[in-house]
Amino acid sequence: MPAIYFQLGLVQPFADMSAEAMPGQEGVILVKGDGKLVGLRLGEPQLVMKLPEIIAELGLDAERVWNRLRADDDVMIGRRAAVWGGGGP
């Protein structure tokens, strides 16, 4: 299954970037730009279940992090594109 990435901040293209495993949370990677946390990568989608614990441990704003989680809502809002690869008859 694909990983889930939460973009928590912006950095300049030339920023010093690093990625490190979160201590005590297997599969969670902290992405830092110029020394500050700018991203959170969950290696497995199931780790979303641990997100409240991760947020608390890192001292993050829960509303800000949860707002970064997106799902496929295209069907409900009428934006679904052709899934067969074509657009016309």
C-alpha atoms as a PDB file:
ATOM      1  CA  MET A   1       0.000   0.000   0.000  1.00  0.00           C
ATOM      2  CA  PRO A   2       1.219   3.515  -0.673  1.00  0.00           C
ATOM      3  CA  ALA A   3       2.566   5.756   2.042  1.00  0.00           C
ATOM      4  CA  ILE A   4       0.686   8.831   3.249  1.00  0.00           C
ATOM      5  CA  TYR A   5       2.524  12.150   3.352  1.00  0.00           C
ATOM      6  CA  PHE A   6       1.360  15.182   5.313  1.00  0.00           C
ATOM      7  CA  GLN A   7       2.882  18.471   4.151  1.00  0.00           C
ATOM      8  CA  LEU A   8       3.033  20.596   7.295  1.00  0.00           C
ATOM      9  CA  GLY A   9       5.115  23.505   6.094  1.00  0.00           C
ATOM     10  CA  LEU A  10       6.820  25.073   3.122  1.00  0.00           C
ATOM     11  CA  VAL A  11      10.540  25.461   2.547  1.00  0.00           C
ATOM     12  CA  GLN A  12      12.668  27.191  -0.030  1.00  0.00           C
ATOM     13  CA  PRO A  13      13.921  24.976  -2.898  1.00  0.00           C
ATOM     14  CA  PHE A  14      17.491  25.375  -1.646  1.00  0.00           C
ATOM     15  CA  ALA A  15      16.678  24.518   1.988  1.00  0.00           C
ATOM     16  CA  ASP A  16      18.741  21.955   3.841  1.00  0.00           C
ATOM     17  CA  MET A  17      16.400  18.925   3.928  1.00  0.00           C
ATOM     18  CA  SER A  18      16.572  15.807   6.063  1.00  0.00           C
ATOM     19  CA  ALA A  19      14.434  12.799   6.891  1.00  0.00           C
ATOM     20  CA  GLU A  20      14.652  10.771  10.068  1.00  0.00           C
ATOM     21  CA  ALA A  21      12.695   7.976  11.680  1.00  0.00           C
ATOM     22  CA  MET A  22      10.494   9.062  14.566  1.00  0.00           C
ATOM     23  CA  PRO A  23      11.795   7.431  17.737  1.00  0.00           C
ATOM     24  CA  GLY A  24       9.369   4.863  19.096  1.00  0.00           C
ATOM     25  CA  GLN A  25       7.068   4.987  16.036  1.00  0.00           C
ATOM     26  CA  GLU A  26       8.036   2.403  13.440  1.00  0.00           C
ATOM     27  CA  GLY A  27       7.164   3.470   9.895  1.00  0.00           C
ATOM     28  CA  VAL A  28       6.885   7.195  10.708  1.00  0.00           C
ATOM     29  CA  ILE A  29       9.393   9.521   9.029  1.00  0.00           C
ATOM     30  CA  LEU A  30       9.891  13.147  10.047  1.00  0.00           C
ATOM     31  CA  VAL A  31      10.845  15.443   7.173  1.00  0.00           C
ATOM     32  CA  LYS A  32      12.696  18.589   8.174  1.00  0.00           C
ATOM     33  CA  GLY A  33      13.631  21.666   6.165  1.00  0.00           C
ATOM     34  CA  ASP A  34      16.133  24.114   7.621  1.00  0.00           C
ATOM     35  CA  GLY A  35      15.782  22.345  10.956  1.00  0.00           C
ATOM     36  CA  LYS A  36      12.000  22.627  11.317  1.00  0.00           C
ATOM     37  CA  LEU A  37       9.383  19.922  10.809  1.00  0.00           C
ATOM     38  CA  VAL A  38       7.779  20.362   7.384  1.00  0.00           C
ATOM     39  CA  GLY A  39       6.392  16.905   6.707  1.00  0.00           C
ATOM     40  CA  LEU A  40       5.252  13.667   8.215  1.00  0.00           C
ATOM     41  CA  ARG A  41       5.358  10.401   6.246  1.00  0.00           C
ATOM     42  CA  LEU A  42       3.395   7.366   7.351  1.00  0.00           C
ATOM     43  CA  GLY A  43       4.823   4.275   5.666  1.00  0.00           C
ATOM     44  CA  GLU A  44       1.523   2.387   5.824  1.00  0.00           C
ATOM     45  CA  PRO A  45      -2.007   3.838   5.640  1.00  0.00           C
ATOM     46  CA  GLN A  46      -2.916   1.890   8.800  1.00  0.00           C
ATOM     47  CA  LEU A  47      -0.655   4.236  10.772  1.00  0.00           C
ATOM     48  CA  VAL A  48      -3.414   6.858  10.466  1.00  0.00           C
ATOM     49  CA  MET A  49      -4.928   5.056  13.459  1.00  0.00           C
ATOM     50  CA  LYS A  50      -1.899   6.194  15.497  1.00  0.00           C
ATOM     51  CA  LEU A  51      -2.058   9.779  14.249  1.00  0.00           C
ATOM     52  CA  PRO A  52      -3.522  11.238  17.492  1.00  0.00           C
ATOM     53  CA  GLU A  53      -0.637   9.682  19.438  1.00  0.00           C
ATOM     54  CA  ILE A  54       1.943  10.937  16.907  1.00  0.00           C
ATOM     55  CA  ILE A  55       0.457  14.455  16.938  1.00  0.00           C
ATOM     56  CA  ALA A  56       0.542  14.576  20.743  1.00  0.00           C
ATOM     57  CA  GLU A  57       4.095  13.240  20.934  1.00  0.00           C
ATOM     58  CA  LEU A  58       5.350  15.864  18.462  1.00  0.00           C
ATOM     59  CA  GLY A  59       3.296  18.689  19.974  1.00  0.00           C
ATOM     60  CA  LEU A  60       1.607  19.493  16.652  1.00  0.00           C
ATOM     61  CA  ASP A  61      -1.671  21.305  16.045  1.00  0.00           C
ATOM     62  CA  ALA A  62      -4.121  18.413  15.537  1.00  0.00           C
ATOM     63  CA  GLU A  63      -6.521  20.410  13.362  1.00  0.00           C
ATOM     64  CA  ARG A  64      -3.710  21.480  11.050  1.00  0.00           C
ATOM     65  CA  VAL A  65      -2.464  17.903  10.601  1.00  0.00           C
ATOM     66  CA  TRP A  66      -5.905  16.305  10.135  1.00  0.00           C
ATOM     67  CA  ASN A  67      -6.811  18.972   7.549  1.00  0.00           C
ATOM     68  CA  ARG A  68      -3.935  17.684   5.402  1.00  0.00           C
ATOM     69  CA  LEU A  69      -5.554  14.232   5.089  1.00  0.00           C
ATOM     70  CA  ARG A  70      -7.426  13.967   1.818  1.00  0.00           C
ATOM     71  CA  ALA A  71      -9.563  11.219   0.361  1.00  0.00           C
ATOM     72  CA  ASP A  72     -11.095  10.574  -3.027  1.00  0.00           C
ATOM     73  CA  ASP A  73     -14.327  12.570  -2.825  1.00  0.00           C
ATOM     74  CA  ASP A  74     -14.641  13.091  -6.587  1.00  0.00           C
ATOM     75  CA  VAL A  75     -17.746  10.922  -6.932  1.00  0.00           C
ATOM     76  CA  MET A  76     -19.731  12.904  -4.373  1.00  0.00           C
ATOM     77  CA  ILE A  77     -18.841  16.317  -5.790  1.00  0.00           C
ATOM     78  CA  GLY A  78     -19.136  15.452  -9.488  1.00  0.00           C
ATOM     79  CA  ARG A  79     -15.471  15.834 -10.465  1.00  0.00           C
ATOM     80  CA  ARG A  80     -14.863  12.231 -11.438  1.00  0.00           C
ATOM     81  CA  ALA A  81     -12.803  11.990 -14.630  1.00  0.00           C
ATOM     82  CA  ALA A  82     -12.937   9.198 -17.144  1.00  0.00           C
ATOM     83  CA  VAL A  83     -11.305   6.113 -15.636  1.00  0.00           C
ATOM     84  CA  TRP A  84     -10.925   4.182 -18.875  1.00  0.00           C
ATOM     85  CA  GLY A  85      -8.276   6.498 -20.258  1.00  0.00           C
ATOM     86  CA  GLY A  86     -10.402   8.293 -22.825  1.00  0.00           C
ATOM     87  CA  GLY A  87     -12.502  11.396 -22.785  1.00  0.00           C
ATOM     88  CA  GLY A  88     -14.681  11.033 -25.849  1.00  0.00           C
ATOM     89  CA  PRO A  89     -16.897   8.523 -27.627  1.00  0.00           C
END
